[in-house]
Amino acid sequence: MPTTFRHDGFRFFFYSNEGNPREPVHVHVMKDGCEAKFWLDPVALDRNHGFDAKTLRQIGRVIHFNQSRIVKAWHDHFSA
């Protein structure tokens, strides 16, 4: 589970086995036992387990701001 970055206690990461065929670029977010998955193009929530709506909006903003960083990490990992 490569961690892309951390922000305010949230861990932004993806799983090394992202399906066959591989799913489009996305990122998982974890904090305090909660987890969500966001698509990157466009930034959109796919699923949520435990985060409230306010926190999901905050996470979405962080992802949007770091979108290019996440995409680069994805391609670096899966191109290796």
Protein backbone atom coordinates (compact mmCIF):
# COMPACT_ATOMS: atom_id res chain seq x y z
CA MET A 1 0.00 0.00 0.00
CA PRO A 2 2.17 2.86 -1.19
CA THR A 3 1.45 6.04 0.75
CA THR A 4 1.33 9.06 -1.54
CA PHE A 5 1.32 11.61 1.29
CA ARG A 6 -0.14 12.45 4.71
CA HIS A 7 -2.15 15.54 5.60
CA ASP A 8 -3.68 16.45 8.99
CA GLY A 9 -3.61 12.82 10.12
CA PHE A 10 -5.12 11.50 6.87
CA ARG A 11 -3.14 8.94 4.89
CA PHE A 12 -3.55 9.10 1.11
CA PHE A 13 -2.56 5.85 -0.57
CA PHE A 14 -3.42 3.20 -3.12
CA TYR A 15 -3.28 -0.59 -3.10
CA SER A 16 -0.60 -2.29 -5.17
CA ASN A 17 -3.17 -4.76 -6.55
CA GLU A 18 -5.79 -2.46 -8.08
CA GLY A 19 -7.66 -5.07 -10.10
CA ASN A 20 -7.22 -6.85 -13.39
CA PRO A 21 -7.67 -4.94 -15.55
CA ARG A 22 -6.38 -2.13 -13.35
CA GLU A 23 -8.94 0.45 -12.28
CA PRO A 24 -8.52 4.08 -13.40
CA VAL A 25 -6.38 6.39 -11.26
CA HIS A 26 -7.85 6.87 -7.78
CA VAL A 27 -6.74 7.29 -4.20
CA HIS A 28 -7.81 5.79 -0.88
CA VAL A 29 -7.86 7.89 2.30
CA MET A 30 -7.72 6.58 5.88
CA LYS A 31 -7.95 8.14 9.30
CA ASP A 32 -9.14 6.80 12.66
CA GLY A 33 -10.53 3.59 11.19
CA CYS A 34 -12.50 5.35 8.43
CA GLU A 35 -11.69 4.89 4.75
CA ALA A 36 -12.86 6.46 1.49
CA LYS A 37 -11.97 6.03 -2.16
CA PHE A 38 -11.91 8.92 -4.63
CA TRP A 39 -11.57 8.91 -8.40
CA LEU A 40 -9.13 11.49 -9.72
CA ASP A 41 -10.47 12.54 -13.13
CA PRO A 42 -12.64 14.25 -12.12
CA VAL A 43 -12.20 14.20 -8.34
CA ALA A 44 -15.27 12.32 -7.11
CA LEU A 45 -16.14 10.08 -4.19
CA ASP A 46 -16.49 6.41 -5.10
CA ARG A 47 -17.18 4.95 -1.67
CA ASN A 48 -17.04 5.92 1.97
CA HIS A 49 -16.84 3.93 5.19
CA GLY A 50 -17.21 6.21 8.20
CA PHE A 51 -16.34 9.78 7.21
CA ASP A 52 -19.02 12.45 7.64
CA ALA A 53 -20.00 14.82 4.80
CA LYS A 54 -17.92 17.74 6.10
CA THR A 55 -14.80 15.57 6.28
CA LEU A 56 -15.42 14.19 2.78
CA ARG A 57 -15.59 17.75 1.40
CA GLN A 58 -12.31 18.55 3.17
CA ILE A 59 -10.66 15.42 1.77
CA GLY A 60 -11.95 16.26 -1.72
CA ARG A 61 -10.32 19.70 -1.54
CA VAL A 62 -7.01 18.17 -0.41
CA ILE A 63 -7.14 15.65 -3.26
CA HIS A 64 -7.97 18.36 -5.80
CA PHE A 65 -5.02 20.47 -4.59
CA ASN A 66 -2.66 17.44 -4.75
CA GLN A 67 -4.14 15.79 -7.84
CA SER A 68 -1.00 15.95 -9.99
CA ARG A 69 1.12 14.60 -7.13
CA ILE A 70 -1.22 11.62 -6.70
CA VAL A 71 -1.36 10.89 -10.43
CA LYS A 72 2.44 11.01 -10.67
CA ALA A 73 2.83 8.62 -7.72
CA TRP A 74 0.28 6.25 -9.32
CA HIS A 75 2.11 6.18 -12.66
CA ASP A 76 5.53 5.90 -11.00
CA HIS A 77 4.36 2.89 -8.99
CA PHE A 78 2.47 1.03 -11.68
CA SER A 79 5.02 1.72 -14.44
CA ALA A 80 7.83 0.16 -12.44
